[in-house]
Amino acid sequence: MNFVYYLETGESLQKRASKKSRRKTFFDFVASRQKWAFLQSYAAELDYFDSRYRGPEVHKASVLRAHVAAARLPEAFELLIPVNSAMNVIWNNVMEIVSGRVPSSERPKLFVDGREWNPT
């Protein structure tokens, strides 16, 4: 979020919005710029990972520690989904935009055990 916001505006997202409103500020920004609109489809995925894996770490308590203490490990495929999305779709679209071309609006579907993965 910070990279895209800075690339387009030359401003830091942290300076523009408080911690609680960075996500809202970013997605409002994305909604107002057609070339970045493809990022709106990642909002649900971002919310899922923030609440499931990252959220408590922001408040100094590791989510992974809770998983280990409960003798359950996070699914490896779930931990890699944001990396796969970033490297295989988002980065390619950023490069298209920087090169002056139109980004792809196609978003590949993710499948796990033959079923489409849904981050809700």
PDB file of N, CA and C in Angstrom:
ATOM      1  N   MET A   1       0.832  -1.184   0.000  1.00  0.00           N
ATOM      2  CA  MET A   1       0.000   0.000   0.000  1.00  0.00           C
ATOM      3  C   MET A   1       0.876   1.246   0.000  1.00  0.00           C
ATOM      4  N   ASN A   2       1.875   1.249   0.870  1.00  0.00           N
ATOM      5  CA  ASN A   2       2.732   2.421   0.970  1.00  0.00           C
ATOM      6  C   ASN A   2       3.466   2.699  -0.338  1.00  0.00           C
ATOM      7  N   PHE A   3       3.978   1.633  -0.959  1.00  0.00           N
ATOM      8  CA  PHE A   3       4.738   1.788  -2.195  1.00  0.00           C
ATOM      9  C   PHE A   3       3.877   2.398  -3.301  1.00  0.00           C
ATOM     10  N   VAL A   4       2.707   1.844  -3.516  1.00  0.00           N
ATOM     11  CA  VAL A   4       1.820   2.335  -4.576  1.00  0.00           C
ATOM     12  C   VAL A   4       1.400   3.776  -4.302  1.00  0.00           C
ATOM     13  N   TYR A   5       1.045   4.067  -3.068  1.00  0.00           N
ATOM     14  CA  TYR A   5       0.622   5.419  -2.714  1.00  0.00           C
ATOM     15  C   TYR A   5       1.757   6.424  -2.971  1.00  0.00           C
ATOM     16  N   TYR A   6       2.968   6.065  -2.559  1.00  0.00           N
ATOM     17  CA  TYR A   6       4.118   6.953  -2.766  1.00  0.00           C
ATOM     18  C   TYR A   6       4.433   7.099  -4.252  1.00  0.00           C
ATOM     19  N   LEU A   7       4.370   5.991  -4.977  1.00  0.00           N
ATOM     20  CA  LEU A   7       4.662   6.018  -6.409  1.00  0.00           C
ATOM     21  C   LEU A   7       3.744   6.999  -7.143  1.00  0.00           C
ATOM     22  N   GLU A   8       2.487   7.020  -6.766  1.00  0.00           N
ATOM     23  CA  GLU A   8       1.500   7.862  -7.446  1.00  0.00           C
ATOM     24  C   GLU A   8       1.488   9.304  -6.940  1.00  0.00           C
ATOM     25  N   THR A   9       1.673   9.498  -5.625  1.00  0.00           N
ATOM     26  CA  THR A   9       1.502  10.842  -5.054  1.00  0.00           C
ATOM     27  C   THR A   9       2.801  11.525  -4.640  1.00  0.00           C
ATOM     28  N   GLY A  10       3.837  10.731  -4.407  1.00  0.00           N
ATOM     29  CA  GLY A  10       5.081  11.293  -3.891  1.00  0.00           C
ATOM     30  C   GLY A  10       5.025  11.559  -2.397  1.00  0.00           C
ATOM     31  N   GLU A  11       3.948  11.138  -1.756  1.00  0.00           N
ATOM     32  CA  GLU A  11       3.772  11.315  -0.312  1.00  0.00           C
ATOM     33  C   GLU A  11       3.761   9.972   0.383  1.00  0.00           C
ATOM     34  N   SER A  12       4.130   9.977   1.653  1.00  0.00           N
ATOM     35  CA  SER A  12       4.081   8.771   2.463  1.00  0.00           C
ATOM     36  C   SER A  12       2.669   8.562   2.990  1.00  0.00           C
ATOM     37  N   LEU A  13       2.176   7.351   2.870  1.00  0.00           N
ATOM     38  CA  LEU A  13       0.847   7.025   3.381  1.00  0.00           C
ATOM     39  C   LEU A  13       0.804   7.196   4.899  1.00  0.00           C
ATOM     40  N   GLN A  14       1.913   6.883   5.577  1.00  0.00           N
ATOM     41  CA  GLN A  14       1.959   7.041   7.033  1.00  0.00           C
ATOM     42  C   GLN A  14       1.768   8.490   7.448  1.00  0.00           C
ATOM     43  N   LYS A  15       2.312   9.396   6.692  1.00  0.00           N
ATOM     44  CA  LYS A  15       2.172  10.816   7.030  1.00  0.00           C
ATOM     45  C   LYS A  15       0.790  11.346   6.662  1.00  0.00           C
ATOM     46  N   ARG A  16       0.167  10.734   5.684  1.00  0.00           N
ATOM     47  CA  ARG A  16      -1.130  11.197   5.182  1.00  0.00           C
ATOM     48  C   ARG A  16      -2.288  10.744   6.059  1.00  0.00           C
ATOM     49  N   ALA A  17      -2.154   9.573   6.696  1.00  0.00           N
ATOM     50  CA  ALA A  17      -3.278   9.008   7.449  1.00  0.00           C
ATOM     51  C   ALA A  17      -2.802   8.438   8.770  1.00  0.00           C
ATOM     52  N   SER A  18      -3.681   8.423   9.742  1.00  0.00           N
ATOM     53  CA  SER A  18      -3.346   7.784  11.010  1.00  0.00           C
ATOM     54  C   SER A  18      -3.309   6.272  10.813  1.00  0.00           C
ATOM     55  N   LYS A  19      -2.737   5.541  11.767  1.00  0.00           N
ATOM     56  CA  LYS A  19      -2.642   4.083  11.641  1.00  0.00           C
ATOM     57  C   LYS A  19      -3.995   3.446  11.377  1.00  0.00           C
ATOM     58  N   LYS A  20      -5.012   3.905  12.053  1.00  0.00           N
ATOM     59  CA  LYS A  20      -6.333   3.291  11.925  1.00  0.00           C
ATOM     60  C   LYS A  20      -6.985   3.571  10.586  1.00  0.00           C
ATOM     61  N   SER A  21      -6.581   4.633   9.912  1.00  0.00           N
ATOM     62  CA  SER A  21      -7.262   4.964   8.663  1.00  0.00           C
ATOM     63  C   SER A  21      -6.380   4.757   7.426  1.00  0.00           C
ATOM     64  N   ARG A  22      -5.206   4.144   7.566  1.00  0.00           N
ATOM     65  CA  ARG A  22      -4.345   3.930   6.396  1.00  0.00           C
ATOM     66  C   ARG A  22      -5.033   3.075   5.343  1.00  0.00           C
ATOM     67  N   ARG A  23      -5.659   2.013   5.791  1.00  0.00           N
ATOM     68  CA  ARG A  23      -6.336   1.129   4.856  1.00  0.00           C
ATOM     69  C   ARG A  23      -7.436   1.886   4.127  1.00  0.00           C
ATOM     70  N   LYS A  24      -8.256   2.625   4.864  1.00  0.00           N
ATOM     71  CA  LYS A  24      -9.348   3.394   4.249  1.00  0.00           C
ATOM     72  C   LYS A  24      -8.784   4.448   3.298  1.00  0.00           C
ATOM     73  N   THR A  25      -7.773   5.172   3.731  1.00  0.00           N
ATOM     74  CA  THR A  25      -7.158   6.194   2.880  1.00  0.00           C
ATOM     75  C   THR A  25      -6.638   5.574   1.594  1.00  0.00           C
ATOM     76  N   PHE A  26      -5.967   4.428   1.715  1.00  0.00           N
ATOM     77  CA  PHE A  26      -5.406   3.777   0.542  1.00  0.00           C
ATOM     78  C   PHE A  26      -6.501   3.316  -0.418  1.00  0.00           C
ATOM     79  N   PHE A  27      -7.516   2.643   0.097  1.00  0.00           N
ATOM     80  CA  PHE A  27      -8.546   2.129  -0.800  1.00  0.00           C
ATOM     81  C   PHE A  27      -9.439   3.236  -1.353  1.00  0.00           C
ATOM     82  N   ASP A  28      -9.592   4.348  -0.665  1.00  0.00           N
ATOM     83  CA  ASP A  28     -10.261   5.517  -1.238  1.00  0.00           C
ATOM     84  C   ASP A  28      -9.418   6.079  -2.392  1.00  0.00           C
ATOM     85  N   PHE A  29      -8.125   6.132  -2.183  1.00  0.00           N
ATOM     86  CA  PHE A  29      -7.179   6.590  -3.200  1.00  0.00           C
ATOM     87  C   PHE A  29      -7.260   5.692  -4.441  1.00  0.00           C
ATOM     88  N   VAL A  30      -7.228   4.389  -4.222  1.00  0.00           N
ATOM     89  CA  VAL A  30      -7.281   3.417  -5.316  1.00  0.00           C
ATOM     90  C   VAL A  30      -8.593   3.549  -6.092  1.00  0.00           C
ATOM     91  N   ALA A  31      -9.689   3.726  -5.381  1.00  0.00           N
ATOM     92  CA  ALA A  31     -10.999   3.845  -6.028  1.00  0.00           C
ATOM     93  C   ALA A  31     -11.077   5.091  -6.913  1.00  0.00           C
ATOM     94  N   SER A  32     -10.294   6.108  -6.586  1.00  0.00           N
ATOM     95  CA  SER A  32     -10.356   7.355  -7.347  1.00  0.00           C
ATOM     96  C   SER A  32      -9.397   7.388  -8.537  1.00  0.00           C
ATOM     97  N   ARG A  33      -8.626   6.333  -8.735  1.00  0.00           N
ATOM     98  CA  ARG A  33      -7.664   6.280  -9.835  1.00  0.00           C
ATOM     99  C   ARG A  33      -7.859   4.982 -10.623  1.00  0.00           C
ATOM    100  N   GLN A  34      -8.332   5.132 -11.826  1.00  0.00           N
ATOM    101  CA  GLN A  34      -8.684   3.975 -12.652  1.00  0.00           C
ATOM    102  C   GLN A  34      -7.526   2.994 -12.817  1.00  0.00           C
ATOM    103  N   LYS A  35      -6.321   3.498 -13.006  1.00  0.00           N
ATOM    104  CA  LYS A  35      -5.215   2.577 -13.272  1.00  0.00           C
ATOM    105  C   LYS A  35      -4.856   1.707 -12.064  1.00  0.00           C
ATOM    106  N   TRP A  36      -5.225   2.129 -10.871  1.00  0.00           N
ATOM    107  CA  TRP A  36      -4.956   1.332  -9.667  1.00  0.00           C
ATOM    108  C   TRP A  36      -6.191   0.587  -9.179  1.00  0.00           C
ATOM    109  N   ALA A  37      -7.294   0.700  -9.893  1.00  0.00           N
ATOM    110  CA  ALA A  37      -8.561   0.100  -9.450  1.00  0.00           C
ATOM    111  C   ALA A  37      -8.473  -1.414  -9.269  1.00  0.00           C
ATOM    112  N   PHE A  38      -7.576  -2.081 -10.000  1.00  0.00           N
ATOM    113  CA  PHE A  38      -7.445  -3.532  -9.859  1.00  0.00           C
ATOM    114  C   PHE A  38      -7.091  -3.939  -8.432  1.00  0.00           C
ATOM    115  N   LEU A  39      -6.509  -3.045  -7.659  1.00  0.00           N
ATOM    116  CA  LEU A  39      -6.117  -3.359  -6.278  1.00  0.00           C
ATOM    117  C   LEU A  39      -7.313  -3.493  -5.342  1.00  0.00           C
ATOM    118  N   GLN A  40      -8.450  -2.929  -5.718  1.00  0.00           N
ATOM    119  CA  GLN A  40      -9.641  -3.024  -4.863  1.00  0.00           C
ATOM    120  C   GLN A  40     -10.046  -4.479  -4.627  1.00  0.00           C
ATOM    121  N   SER A  41      -9.789  -5.333  -5.586  1.00  0.00           N
ATOM    122  CA  SER A  41     -10.187  -6.729  -5.439  1.00  0.00           C
ATOM    123  C   SER A  41      -9.357  -7.472  -4.393  1.00  0.00           C
ATOM    124  N   TYR A  42      -8.293  -6.856  -3.899  1.00  0.00           N
ATOM    125  CA  TYR A  42      -7.454  -7.490  -2.879  1.00  0.00           C
ATOM    126  C   TYR A  42      -7.818  -7.058  -1.457  1.00  0.00           C
ATOM    127  N   ALA A  43      -8.810  -6.205  -1.305  1.00  0.00           N
ATOM    128  CA  ALA A  43      -9.181  -5.708   0.029  1.00  0.00           C
ATOM    129  C   ALA A  43      -9.637  -6.832   0.950  1.00  0.00           C
ATOM    130  N   ALA A  44     -10.463  -7.730   0.465  1.00  0.00           N
ATOM    131  CA  ALA A  44     -10.947  -8.844   1.304  1.00  0.00           C
ATOM    132  C   ALA A  44      -9.804  -9.759   1.711  1.00  0.00           C
ATOM    133  N   GLU A  45      -8.903 -10.005   0.776  1.00  0.00           N
ATOM    134  CA  GLU A  45      -7.731 -10.839   1.078  1.00  0.00           C
ATOM    135  C   GLU A  45      -6.864 -10.174   2.150  1.00  0.00           C
ATOM    136  N   LEU A  46      -6.660  -8.880   2.027  1.00  0.00           N
ATOM    137  CA  LEU A  46      -5.877  -8.135   3.010  1.00  0.00           C
ATOM    138  C   LEU A  46      -6.529  -8.196   4.381  1.00  0.00           C
ATOM    139  N   ASP A  47      -7.831  -7.993   4.428  1.00  0.00           N
ATOM    140  CA  ASP A  47      -8.551  -8.075   5.704  1.00  0.00           C
ATOM    141  C   ASP A  47      -8.423  -9.460   6.327  1.00  0.00           C
ATOM    142  N   TYR A  48      -8.545 -10.492   5.501  1.00  0.00           N
ATOM    143  CA  TYR A  48      -8.442 -11.868   5.987  1.00  0.00           C
ATOM    144  C   TYR A  48      -7.078 -12.108   6.643  1.00  0.00           C
ATOM    145  N   PHE A  49      -6.013 -11.742   5.950  1.00  0.00           N
ATOM    146  CA  PHE A  49      -4.680 -11.995   6.493  1.00  0.00           C
ATOM    147  C   PHE A  49      -4.361 -11.115   7.685  1.00  0.00           C
ATOM    148  N   ASP A  50      -4.843  -9.887   7.681  1.00  0.00           N
ATOM    149  CA  ASP A  50      -4.633  -9.021   8.839  1.00  0.00           C
ATOM    150  C   ASP A  50      -5.306  -9.595  10.077  1.00  0.00           C
ATOM    151  N   SER A  51      -6.523 -10.077   9.926  1.00  0.00           N
ATOM    152  CA  SER A  51      -7.232 -10.588  11.097  1.00  0.00           C
ATOM    153  C   SER A  51      -6.751 -11.970  11.513  1.00  0.00           C
ATOM    154  N   ARG A  52      -6.394 -12.799  10.538  1.00  0.00           N
ATOM    155  CA  ARG A  52      -6.028 -14.184  10.854  1.00  0.00           C
ATOM    156  C   ARG A  52      -4.577 -14.333  11.291  1.00  0.00           C
ATOM    157  N   TYR A  53      -3.662 -13.600  10.679  1.00  0.00           N
ATOM    158  CA  TYR A  53      -2.236 -13.823  10.939  1.00  0.00           C
ATOM    159  C   TYR A  53      -1.484 -12.603  11.445  1.00  0.00           C
ATOM    160  N   ARG A  54      -1.829 -11.415  10.966  1.00  0.00           N
ATOM    161  CA  ARG A  54      -0.998 -10.256  11.267  1.00  0.00           C
ATOM    162  C   ARG A  54      -1.534  -9.388  12.390  1.00  0.00           C
ATOM    163  N   GLY A  55      -2.824  -9.222  12.482  1.00  0.00           N
ATOM    164  CA  GLY A  55      -3.443  -8.288  13.415  1.00  0.00           C
ATOM    165  C   GLY A  55      -2.835  -8.215  14.798  1.00  0.00           C
ATOM    166  N   PRO A  56      -2.836  -9.296  15.559  1.00  0.00           N
ATOM    167  CA  PRO A  56      -2.299  -9.228  16.919  1.00  0.00           C
ATOM    168  C   PRO A  56      -0.805  -8.905  16.988  1.00  0.00           C
ATOM    169  N   GLU A  57      -0.040  -9.242  15.973  1.00  0.00           N
ATOM    170  CA  GLU A  57       1.388  -8.923  15.998  1.00  0.00           C
ATOM    171  C   GLU A  57       1.615  -7.419  16.068  1.00  0.00           C
ATOM    172  N   VAL A  58       0.702  -6.682  15.470  1.00  0.00           N
ATOM    173  CA  VAL A  58       0.799  -5.228  15.523  1.00  0.00           C
ATOM    174  C   VAL A  58       0.719  -4.756  16.974  1.00  0.00           C
ATOM    175  N   HIS A  59      -0.004  -5.516  17.772  1.00  0.00           N
ATOM    176  CA  HIS A  59      -0.173  -5.179  19.183  1.00  0.00           C
ATOM    177  C   HIS A  59       0.765  -5.984  20.087  1.00  0.00           C
ATOM    178  N   LYS A  60       1.881  -6.455  19.519  1.00  0.00           N
ATOM    179  CA  LYS A  60       2.972  -7.111  20.249  1.00  0.00           C
ATOM    180  C   LYS A  60       2.685  -8.536  20.721  1.00  0.00           C
ATOM    181  N   ALA A  61       1.683  -9.206  20.221  1.00  0.00           N
ATOM    182  CA  ALA A  61       1.428 -10.599  20.570  1.00  0.00           C
ATOM    183  C   ALA A  61       1.374 -11.404  19.276  1.00  0.00           C
ATOM    184  N   SER A  62       2.225 -12.392  19.141  1.00  0.00           N
ATOM    185  CA  SER A  62       2.330 -13.141  17.904  1.00  0.00           C
ATOM    186  C   SER A  62       1.159 -14.084  17.696  1.00  0.00           C
ATOM    187  N   VAL A  63       0.574 -14.035  16.526  1.00  0.00           N
ATOM    188  CA  VAL A  63      -0.479 -14.963  16.145  1.00  0.00           C
ATOM    189  C   VAL A  63       0.096 -16.360  16.019  1.00  0.00           C
ATOM    190  N   LEU A  64       1.288 -16.459  15.461  1.00  0.00           N
ATOM    191  CA  LEU A  64       1.902 -17.776  15.276  1.00  0.00           C
ATOM    192  C   LEU A  64       2.159 -18.457  16.619  1.00  0.00           C
ATOM    193  N   ARG A  65       2.500 -17.707  17.634  1.00  0.00           N
ATOM    194  CA  ARG A  65       2.690 -18.289  18.969  1.00  0.00           C
ATOM    195  C   ARG A  65       1.385 -18.931  19.450  1.00  0.00           C
ATOM    196  N   ALA A  66       0.281 -18.288  19.213  1.00  0.00           N
ATOM    197  CA  ALA A  66      -1.012 -18.843  19.608  1.00  0.00           C
ATOM    198  C   ALA A  66      -1.313 -20.131  18.843  1.00  0.00           C
ATOM    199  N   HIS A  67      -0.962 -20.173  17.564  1.00  0.00           N
ATOM    200  CA  HIS A  67      -1.165 -21.399  16.785  1.00  0.00           C
ATOM    201  C   HIS A  67      -0.320 -22.548  17.326  1.00  0.00           C
ATOM    202  N   VAL A  68       0.941 -22.275  17.629  1.00  0.00           N
ATOM    203  CA  VAL A  68       1.836 -23.317  18.151  1.00  0.00           C
ATOM    204  C   VAL A  68       1.360 -23.775  19.519  1.00  0.00           C
ATOM    205  N   ALA A  69       0.976 -22.859  20.375  1.00  0.00           N
ATOM    206  CA  ALA A  69       0.500 -23.225  21.715  1.00  0.00           C
ATOM    207  C   ALA A  69      -0.752 -24.093  21.646  1.00  0.00           C
ATOM    208  N   ALA A  70      -1.566 -23.894  20.632  1.00  0.00           N
ATOM    209  CA  ALA A  70      -2.780 -24.698  20.471  1.00  0.00           C
ATOM    210  C   ALA A  70      -2.506 -25.968  19.662  1.00  0.00           C
ATOM    211  N   ALA A  71      -1.238 -26.221  19.356  1.00  0.00           N
ATOM    212  CA  ALA A  71      -0.812 -27.396  18.588  1.00  0.00           C
ATOM    213  C   ALA A  71      -1.453 -27.449  17.201  1.00  0.00           C
ATOM    214  N   ARG A  72      -1.671 -26.301  16.604  1.00  0.00           N
ATOM    215  CA  ARG A  72      -2.138 -26.267  15.224  1.00  0.00           C
ATOM    216  C   ARG A  72      -1.284 -25.256  14.473  1.00  0.00           C
ATOM    217  N   LEU A  73      -0.910 -25.617  13.307  1.00  0.00           N
ATOM    218  CA  LEU A  73      -0.072 -24.751  12.501  1.00  0.00           C
ATOM    219  C   LEU A  73      -0.895 -24.121  11.386  1.00  0.00           C
ATOM    220  N   PRO A  74      -0.545 -22.909  11.006  1.00  0.00           N
ATOM    221  CA  PRO A  74      -1.252 -22.305   9.876  1.00  0.00           C
ATOM    222  C   PRO A  74      -0.967 -23.106   8.610  1.00  0.00           C
ATOM    223  N   GLU A  75      -1.891 -23.087   7.706  1.00  0.00           N
ATOM    224  CA  GLU A  75      -1.707 -23.776   6.432  1.00  0.00           C
ATOM    225  C   GLU A  75      -0.633 -23.053   5.616  1.00  0.00           C
ATOM    226  N   ALA A  76       0.338 -23.817   5.126  1.00  0.00           N
ATOM    227  CA  ALA A  76       1.435 -23.228   4.353  1.00  0.00           C
ATOM    228  C   ALA A  76       0.912 -22.499   3.122  1.00  0.00           C
ATOM    229  N   PHE A  77      -0.075 -23.091   2.442  1.00  0.00           N
ATOM    230  CA  PHE A  77      -0.591 -22.442   1.238  1.00  0.00           C
ATOM    231  C   PHE A  77      -1.195 -21.085   1.565  1.00  0.00           C
ATOM    232  N   GLU A  78      -1.835 -20.955   2.731  1.00  0.00           N
ATOM    233  CA  GLU A  78      -2.423 -19.665   3.102  1.00  0.00           C
ATOM    234  C   GLU A  78      -1.342 -18.619   3.348  1.00  0.00           C
ATOM    235  N   LEU A  79      -0.256 -19.026   3.969  1.00  0.00           N
ATOM    236  CA  LEU A  79       0.816 -18.073   4.234  1.00  0.00           C
ATOM    237  C   LEU A  79       1.485 -17.590   2.948  1.00  0.00           C
ATOM    238  N   LEU A  80       1.417 -18.389   1.903  1.00  0.00           N
ATOM    239  CA  LEU A  80       2.064 -18.025   0.638  1.00  0.00           C
ATOM    240  C   LEU A  80       1.142 -17.271  -0.326  1.00  0.00           C
ATOM    241  N   ILE A  81      -0.139 -17.266  -0.082  1.00  0.00           N
ATOM    242  CA  ILE A  81      -1.075 -16.610  -0.996  1.00  0.00           C
ATOM    243  C   ILE A  81      -0.750 -15.122  -1.200  1.00  0.00           C
ATOM    244  N   PRO A  82      -0.483 -14.347  -0.140  1.00  0.00           N
ATOM    245  CA  PRO A  82      -0.157 -12.932  -0.394  1.00  0.00           C
ATOM    246  C   PRO A  82       1.119 -12.760  -1.209  1.00  0.00           C
ATOM    247  N   VAL A  83       2.095 -13.615  -0.986  1.00  0.00           N
ATOM    248  CA  VAL A  83       3.349 -13.547  -1.755  1.00  0.00           C
ATOM    249  C   VAL A  83       3.070 -13.864  -3.220  1.00  0.00           C
ATOM    250  N   ASN A  84       2.295 -14.927  -3.458  1.00  0.00           N
ATOM    251  CA  ASN A  84       1.961 -15.295  -4.833  1.00  0.00           C
ATOM    252  C   ASN A  84       1.199 -14.176  -5.537  1.00  0.00           C
ATOM    253  N   SER A  85       0.241 -13.586  -4.858  1.00  0.00           N
ATOM    254  CA  SER A  85      -0.526 -12.481  -5.458  1.00  0.00           C
ATOM    255  C   SER A  85       0.381 -11.296  -5.767  1.00  0.00           C
ATOM    256  N   ALA A  86       1.231 -10.964  -4.813  1.00  0.00           N
ATOM    257  CA  ALA A  86       2.120  -9.804  -4.994  1.00  0.00           C
ATOM    258  C   ALA A  86       3.093 -10.013  -6.145  1.00  0.00           C
ATOM    259  N   MET A  87       3.702 -11.183  -6.205  1.00  0.00           N
ATOM    260  CA  MET A  87       4.725 -11.424  -7.218  1.00  0.00           C
ATOM    261  C   MET A  87       4.155 -11.734  -8.597  1.00  0.00           C
ATOM    262  N   ASN A  88       3.041 -12.425  -8.649  1.00  0.00           N
ATOM    263  CA  ASN A  88       2.534 -12.888  -9.939  1.00  0.00           C
ATOM    264  C   ASN A  88       1.490 -11.979 -10.578  1.00  0.00           C
ATOM    265  N   VAL A  89       0.866 -11.119  -9.799  1.00  0.00           N
ATOM    266  CA  VAL A  89      -0.179 -10.264 -10.361  1.00  0.00           C
ATOM    267  C   VAL A  89       0.102  -8.795 -10.076  1.00  0.00           C
ATOM    268  N   ILE A  90       0.186  -8.448  -8.812  1.00  0.00           N
ATOM    269  CA  ILE A  90       0.306  -7.030  -8.443  1.00  0.00           C
ATOM    270  C   ILE A  90       1.574  -6.420  -9.015  1.00  0.00           C
ATOM    271  N   TRP A  91       2.715  -7.079  -8.837  1.00  0.00           N
ATOM    272  CA  TRP A  91       3.983  -6.520  -9.334  1.00  0.00           C
ATOM    273  C   TRP A  91       3.942  -6.346 -10.847  1.00  0.00           C
ATOM    274  N   ASN A  92       3.417  -7.334 -11.567  1.00  0.00           N
ATOM    275  CA  ASN A  92       3.320  -7.214 -13.028  1.00  0.00           C
ATOM    276  C   ASN A  92       2.471  -6.011 -13.418  1.00  0.00           C
ATOM    277  N   ASN A  93       1.377  -5.786 -12.723  1.00  0.00           N
ATOM    278  CA  ASN A  93       0.530  -4.633 -13.030  1.00  0.00           C
ATOM    279  C   ASN A  93       1.216  -3.317 -12.677  1.00  0.00           C
ATOM    280  N   VAL A  94       1.955  -3.277 -11.585  1.00  0.00           N
ATOM    281  CA  VAL A  94       2.719  -2.065 -11.237  1.00  0.00           C
ATOM    282  C   VAL A  94       3.707  -1.750 -12.355  1.00  0.00           C
ATOM    283  N   MET A  95       4.396  -2.773 -12.856  1.00  0.00           N
ATOM    284  CA  MET A  95       5.360  -2.552 -13.940  1.00  0.00           C
ATOM    285  C   MET A  95       4.660  -2.061 -15.212  1.00  0.00           C
ATOM    286  N   GLU A  96       3.469  -2.578 -15.488  1.00  0.00           N
ATOM    287  CA  GLU A  96       2.701  -2.105 -16.643  1.00  0.00           C
ATOM    288  C   GLU A  96       2.352  -0.625 -16.485  1.00  0.00           C
ATOM    289  N   ILE A  97       1.900  -0.246 -15.309  1.00  0.00           N
ATOM    290  CA  ILE A  97       1.524   1.150 -15.052  1.00  0.00           C
ATOM    291  C   ILE A  97       2.730   2.074 -15.169  1.00  0.00           C
ATOM    292  N   VAL A  98       3.837   1.684 -14.558  1.00  0.00           N
ATOM    293  CA  VAL A  98       5.053   2.499 -14.618  1.00  0.00           C
ATOM    294  C   VAL A  98       5.537   2.642 -16.061  1.00  0.00           C
ATOM    295  N   SER A  99       5.307   1.621 -16.868  1.00  0.00           N
ATOM    296  CA  SER A  99       5.714   1.646 -18.279  1.00  0.00           C
ATOM    297  C   SER A  99       4.721   2.397 -19.160  1.00  0.00           C
ATOM    298  N   GLY A 100       3.632   2.903 -18.562  1.00  0.00           N
ATOM    299  CA  GLY A 100       2.656   3.669 -19.317  1.00  0.00           C
ATOM    300  C   GLY A 100       1.595   2.823 -20.001  1.00  0.00           C
ATOM    301  N   ARG A 101       1.523   1.555 -19.640  1.00  0.00           N
ATOM    302  CA  ARG A 101       0.518   0.671 -20.233  1.00  0.00           C
ATOM    303  C   ARG A 101      -0.631   0.446 -19.259  1.00  0.00           C
ATOM    304  N   VAL A 102      -1.691  -0.128 -19.755  1.00  0.00           N
ATOM    305  CA  VAL A 102      -2.882  -0.409 -18.949  1.00  0.00           C
ATOM    306  C   VAL A 102      -2.677  -1.733 -18.213  1.00  0.00           C
ATOM    307  N   PRO A 103      -2.949  -1.756 -16.910  1.00  0.00           N
ATOM    308  CA  PRO A 103      -2.782  -3.009 -16.165  1.00  0.00           C
ATOM    309  C   PRO A 103      -3.886  -4.005 -16.488  1.00  0.00           C
ATOM    310  N   SER A 104      -3.595  -5.258 -16.244  1.00  0.00           N
ATOM    311  CA  SER A 104      -4.590  -6.307 -16.459  1.00  0.00           C
ATOM    312  C   SER A 104      -5.656  -6.240 -15.374  1.00  0.00           C
ATOM    313  N   SER A 105      -6.899  -6.394 -15.773  1.00  0.00           N
ATOM    314  CA  SER A 105      -7.959  -6.416 -14.772  1.00  0.00           C
ATOM    315  C   SER A 105      -8.293  -7.850 -14.362  1.00  0.00           C
ATOM    316  N   GLU A 106      -7.643  -8.809 -15.024  1.00  0.00           N
ATOM    317  CA  GLU A 106      -7.863 -10.219 -14.705  1.00  0.00           C
ATOM    318  C   GLU A 106      -7.205 -10.545 -13.372  1.00  0.00           C
ATOM    319  N   ARG A 107      -7.931 -11.283 -12.573  1.00  0.00           N
ATOM    320  CA  ARG A 107      -7.371 -11.751 -11.306  1.00  0.00           C
ATOM    321  C   ARG A 107      -7.449 -13.267 -11.298  1.00  0.00           C
ATOM    322  N   PRO A 108      -6.298 -13.945 -11.286  1.00  0.00           N
ATOM    323  CA  PRO A 108      -6.343 -15.408 -11.313  1.00  0.00           C
ATOM    324  C   PRO A 108      -7.017 -15.970 -10.064  1.00  0.00           C
ATOM    325  N   LYS A 109      -7.740 -17.048 -10.248  1.00  0.00           N
ATOM    326  CA  LYS A 109      -8.393 -17.696  -9.118  1.00  0.00           C
ATOM    327  C   LYS A 109      -7.393 -18.629  -8.448  1.00  0.00           C
ATOM    328  N   LEU A 110      -7.503 -18.735  -7.143  1.00  0.00           N
ATOM    329  CA  LEU A 110      -6.637 -19.626  -6.374  1.00  0.00           C
ATOM    330  C   LEU A 110      -7.432 -20.856  -5.985  1.00  0.00           C
ATOM    331  N   PHE A 111      -6.839 -22.007  -6.204  1.00  0.00           N
ATOM    332  CA  PHE A 111      -7.518 -23.257  -5.879  1.00  0.00           C
ATOM    333  C   PHE A 111      -6.730 -24.031  -4.840  1.00  0.00           C
ATOM    334  N   VAL A 112      -7.441 -24.594  -3.881  1.00  0.00           N
ATOM    335  CA  VAL A 112      -6.851 -25.424  -2.845  1.00  0.00           C
ATOM    336  C   VAL A 112      -7.668 -26.706  -2.783  1.00  0.00           C
ATOM    337  N   ASP A 113      -6.999 -27.830  -2.923  1.00  0.00           N
ATOM    338  CA  ASP A 113      -7.677 -29.134  -2.918  1.00  0.00           C
ATOM    339  C   ASP A 113      -8.845 -29.172  -3.895  1.00  0.00           C
ATOM    340  N   GLY A 114      -8.653 -28.594  -5.068  1.00  0.00           N
ATOM    341  CA  GLY A 114      -9.680 -28.615  -6.095  1.00  0.00           C
ATOM    342  C   GLY A 114     -10.817 -27.625  -5.909  1.00  0.00           C
ATOM    343  N   ARG A 115     -10.781 -26.839  -4.835  1.00  0.00           N
ATOM    344  CA  ARG A 115     -11.829 -25.845  -4.576  1.00  0.00           C
ATOM    345  C   ARG A 115     -11.236 -24.438  -4.672  1.00  0.00           C
ATOM    346  N   GLU A 116     -12.050 -23.532  -5.153  1.00  0.00           N
ATOM    347  CA  GLU A 116     -11.595 -22.147  -5.216  1.00  0.00           C
ATOM    348  C   GLU A 116     -11.451 -21.580  -3.804  1.00  0.00           C
ATOM    349  N   TRP A 117     -10.305 -20.946  -3.537  1.00  0.00           N
ATOM    350  CA  TRP A 117     -10.052 -20.372  -2.203  1.00  0.00           C
ATOM    351  C   TRP A 117     -10.750 -19.040  -2.116  1.00  0.00           C
ATOM    352  N   ASN A 118     -11.463 -18.824  -1.010  1.00  0.00           N
ATOM    353  CA  ASN A 118     -12.179 -17.586  -0.774  1.00  0.00           C
ATOM    354  C   ASN A 118     -11.745 -17.044   0.591  1.00  0.00           C
ATOM    355  N   PRO A 119     -11.202 -15.829   0.665  1.00  0.00           N
ATOM    356  CA  PRO A 119     -10.646 -15.315   1.925  1.00  0.00           C
ATOM    357  C   PRO A 119     -11.668 -14.812   2.923  1.00  0.00           C
ATOM    358  N   THR A 120     -12.853 -15.354   2.953  1.00  0.00           N
ATOM    359  CA  THR A 120     -13.844 -14.891   3.933  1.00  0.00           C
ATOM    360  C   THR A 120     -14.138 -15.964   4.956  1.00  0.00           C
TER     361      THR A 120
END
